Amino acid sequence: MVNHKRVQRLYREEELAVRQRNRRRNCAAVTRMVQEAKRPDVVWAMDFVAYALSKGRRRRCLTLVDNYTRECMAIEVDTFLPSLRVMGALD
């Protein structure tokens, strides 16, 4: 392993230009207070899961879970999930 400071010093002595990497800055996300589930049917979690079958066909799943009982309320599975199907599952 070579220390990056040593490399920069050697490049500076030889009057060479070292290309600087642009590092990605993490955006400060807006954090919300997570609502704690006190009883069933108060707080639900929703997540999309995508996977591929052995033949390369893609599938998407929408899962709705009750946070208190950890019971899965609904699962919608299809090759694509339009917004009307998502709204129907939420209803």
C-alpha atoms as a PDB file:
ATOM      1  CA  MET A   1       0.000   0.000   0.000  1.00  0.00           C
ATOM      2  CA  VAL A   2       1.242   3.473  -0.882  1.00  0.00           C
ATOM      3  CA  ASN A   3       0.172   6.478   1.106  1.00  0.00           C
ATOM      4  CA  HIS A   4      -1.685   9.000  -1.078  1.00  0.00           C
ATOM      5  CA  LYS A   5       0.152  11.887   0.593  1.00  0.00           C
ATOM      6  CA  ARG A   6       3.502  10.447  -0.469  1.00  0.00           C
ATOM      7  CA  VAL A   7       2.297  10.080  -4.053  1.00  0.00           C
ATOM      8  CA  GLN A   8       1.094  13.678  -4.093  1.00  0.00           C
ATOM      9  CA  ARG A   9       4.427  14.902  -2.680  1.00  0.00           C
ATOM     10  CA  LEU A  10       6.418  12.981  -5.310  1.00  0.00           C
ATOM     11  CA  TYR A  11       4.201  14.266  -8.113  1.00  0.00           C
ATOM     12  CA  ARG A  12       4.579  17.819  -6.817  1.00  0.00           C
ATOM     13  CA  GLU A  13       8.385  17.454  -6.723  1.00  0.00           C
ATOM     14  CA  GLU A  14       8.403  16.191 -10.324  1.00  0.00           C
ATOM     15  CA  GLU A  15       5.945  18.942 -11.313  1.00  0.00           C
ATOM     16  CA  LEU A  16       3.403  16.434 -12.556  1.00  0.00           C
ATOM     17  CA  ALA A  17      -0.358  16.889 -12.352  1.00  0.00           C
ATOM     18  CA  VAL A  18      -2.357  14.473 -10.261  1.00  0.00           C
ATOM     19  CA  ARG A  19      -5.939  14.065 -11.322  1.00  0.00           C
ATOM     20  CA  GLN A  20      -8.204  14.631  -8.343  1.00  0.00           C
ATOM     21  CA  ARG A  21     -11.203  12.367  -7.916  1.00  0.00           C
ATOM     22  CA  ASN A  22     -14.551  14.020  -7.412  1.00  0.00           C
ATOM     23  CA  ARG A  23     -16.120  12.384  -4.411  1.00  0.00           C
ATOM     24  CA  ARG A  24     -19.853  12.034  -4.211  1.00  0.00           C
ATOM     25  CA  ARG A  25     -21.411  14.030  -1.481  1.00  0.00           C
ATOM     26  CA  ASN A  26     -24.159  12.409   0.502  1.00  0.00           C
ATOM     27  CA  CYS A  27     -27.322  14.434   0.442  1.00  0.00           C
ATOM     28  CA  ALA A  28     -28.712  15.224   3.837  1.00  0.00           C
ATOM     29  CA  ALA A  29     -31.960  13.316   3.786  1.00  0.00           C
ATOM     30  CA  VAL A  30     -34.968  14.679   5.558  1.00  0.00           C
ATOM     31  CA  THR A  31     -35.546  12.407   8.507  1.00  0.00           C
ATOM     32  CA  ARG A  32     -38.990  11.826   9.888  1.00  0.00           C
ATOM     33  CA  MET A  33     -39.937  10.415  13.212  1.00  0.00           C
ATOM     34  CA  VAL A  34     -40.800   6.740  12.749  1.00  0.00           C
ATOM     35  CA  GLN A  35     -44.247   6.052  14.077  1.00  0.00           C
ATOM     36  CA  GLU A  36     -44.240   3.177  16.522  1.00  0.00           C
ATOM     37  CA  ALA A  37     -47.017   0.612  16.157  1.00  0.00           C
ATOM     38  CA  LYS A  38     -49.129   0.448  19.341  1.00  0.00           C
ATOM     39  CA  ARG A  39     -51.836  -1.892  18.006  1.00  0.00           C
ATOM     40  CA  PRO A  40     -52.728  -3.744  14.795  1.00  0.00           C
ATOM     41  CA  ASP A  41     -53.771  -1.885  11.628  1.00  0.00           C
ATOM     42  CA  VAL A  42     -52.177   1.433  12.652  1.00  0.00           C
ATOM     43  CA  VAL A  43     -48.788   1.376  10.886  1.00  0.00           C
ATOM     44  CA  TRP A  44     -48.145  -0.499   7.662  1.00  0.00           C
ATOM     45  CA  ALA A  45     -44.954  -0.928   5.665  1.00  0.00           C
ATOM     46  CA  MET A  46     -44.912  -1.116   1.867  1.00  0.00           C
ATOM     47  CA  ASP A  47     -42.046  -2.386  -0.265  1.00  0.00           C
ATOM     48  CA  PHE A  48     -41.382  -3.317  -3.882  1.00  0.00           C
ATOM     49  CA  VAL A  49     -39.254  -6.402  -4.538  1.00  0.00           C
ATOM     50  CA  ALA A  50     -37.900  -7.332  -7.974  1.00  0.00           C
ATOM     51  CA  TYR A  51     -36.316 -10.599  -9.007  1.00  0.00           C
ATOM     52  CA  ALA A  52     -35.459 -12.507 -12.174  1.00  0.00           C
ATOM     53  CA  LEU A  53     -36.310 -16.102 -12.993  1.00  0.00           C
ATOM     54  CA  SER A  54     -33.786 -18.540 -14.477  1.00  0.00           C
ATOM     55  CA  LYS A  55     -35.002 -17.782 -18.018  1.00  0.00           C
ATOM     56  CA  GLY A  56     -34.402 -14.048 -17.486  1.00  0.00           C
ATOM     57  CA  ARG A  57     -38.042 -13.003 -16.995  1.00  0.00           C
ATOM     58  CA  ARG A  58     -38.447 -10.253 -14.413  1.00  0.00           C
ATOM     59  CA  ARG A  59     -41.103 -10.268 -11.693  1.00  0.00           C
ATOM     60  CA  ARG A  60     -42.102  -7.501  -9.289  1.00  0.00           C
ATOM     61  CA  CYS A  61     -43.817  -7.904  -5.951  1.00  0.00           C
ATOM     62  CA  LEU A  62     -45.586  -5.303  -3.858  1.00  0.00           C
ATOM     63  CA  THR A  63     -45.775  -6.347  -0.213  1.00  0.00           C
ATOM     64  CA  LEU A  64     -47.853  -4.677   2.498  1.00  0.00           C
ATOM     65  CA  VAL A  65     -46.979  -5.642   6.067  1.00  0.00           C
ATOM     66  CA  ASP A  66     -48.629  -4.684   9.363  1.00  0.00           C
ATOM     67  CA  ASN A  67     -45.784  -3.469  11.596  1.00  0.00           C
ATOM     68  CA  TYR A  68     -47.419  -4.531  14.867  1.00  0.00           C
ATOM     69  CA  THR A  69     -48.363  -8.134  14.037  1.00  0.00           C
ATOM     70  CA  ARG A  70     -45.733  -8.616  11.273  1.00  0.00           C
ATOM     71  CA  GLU A  71     -48.552 -10.103   9.202  1.00  0.00           C
ATOM     72  CA  CYS A  72     -48.454  -9.701   5.441  1.00  0.00           C
ATOM     73  CA  MET A  73     -51.674  -7.913   4.485  1.00  0.00           C
ATOM     74  CA  ALA A  74     -51.287  -8.161   0.697  1.00  0.00           C
ATOM     75  CA  ILE A  75     -48.865  -9.328  -1.978  1.00  0.00           C
ATOM     76  CA  GLU A  76     -49.273  -8.270  -5.605  1.00  0.00           C
ATOM     77  CA  VAL A  77     -47.044 -10.167  -8.063  1.00  0.00           C
ATOM     78  CA  ASP A  78     -46.759  -9.452 -11.794  1.00  0.00           C
ATOM     79  CA  THR A  79     -44.273  -8.575 -14.518  1.00  0.00           C
ATOM     80  CA  PHE A  80     -45.175  -4.915 -13.977  1.00  0.00           C
ATOM     81  CA  LEU A  81     -47.392  -3.191 -11.432  1.00  0.00           C
ATOM     82  CA  PRO A  82     -49.324  -0.188 -12.735  1.00  0.00           C
ATOM     83  CA  SER A  83     -50.443   2.484 -10.307  1.00  0.00           C
ATOM     84  CA  LEU A  84     -54.081   1.332 -10.398  1.00  0.00           C
ATOM     85  CA  ARG A  85     -53.054  -2.114  -9.085  1.00  0.00           C
ATOM     86  CA  VAL A  86     -50.986  -0.494  -6.336  1.00  0.00           C
ATOM     87  CA  MET A  87     -53.900   1.733  -5.318  1.00  0.00           C
ATOM     88  CA  GLY A  88     -56.230  -1.288  -5.371  1.00  0.00           C
ATOM     89  CA  ALA A  89     -53.889  -3.207  -3.068  1.00  0.00           C
ATOM     90  CA  LEU A  90     -53.727  -0.244  -0.690  1.00  0.00           C
ATOM     91  CA  ASP A  91     -57.518   0.035  -0.597  1.00  0.00           C
END
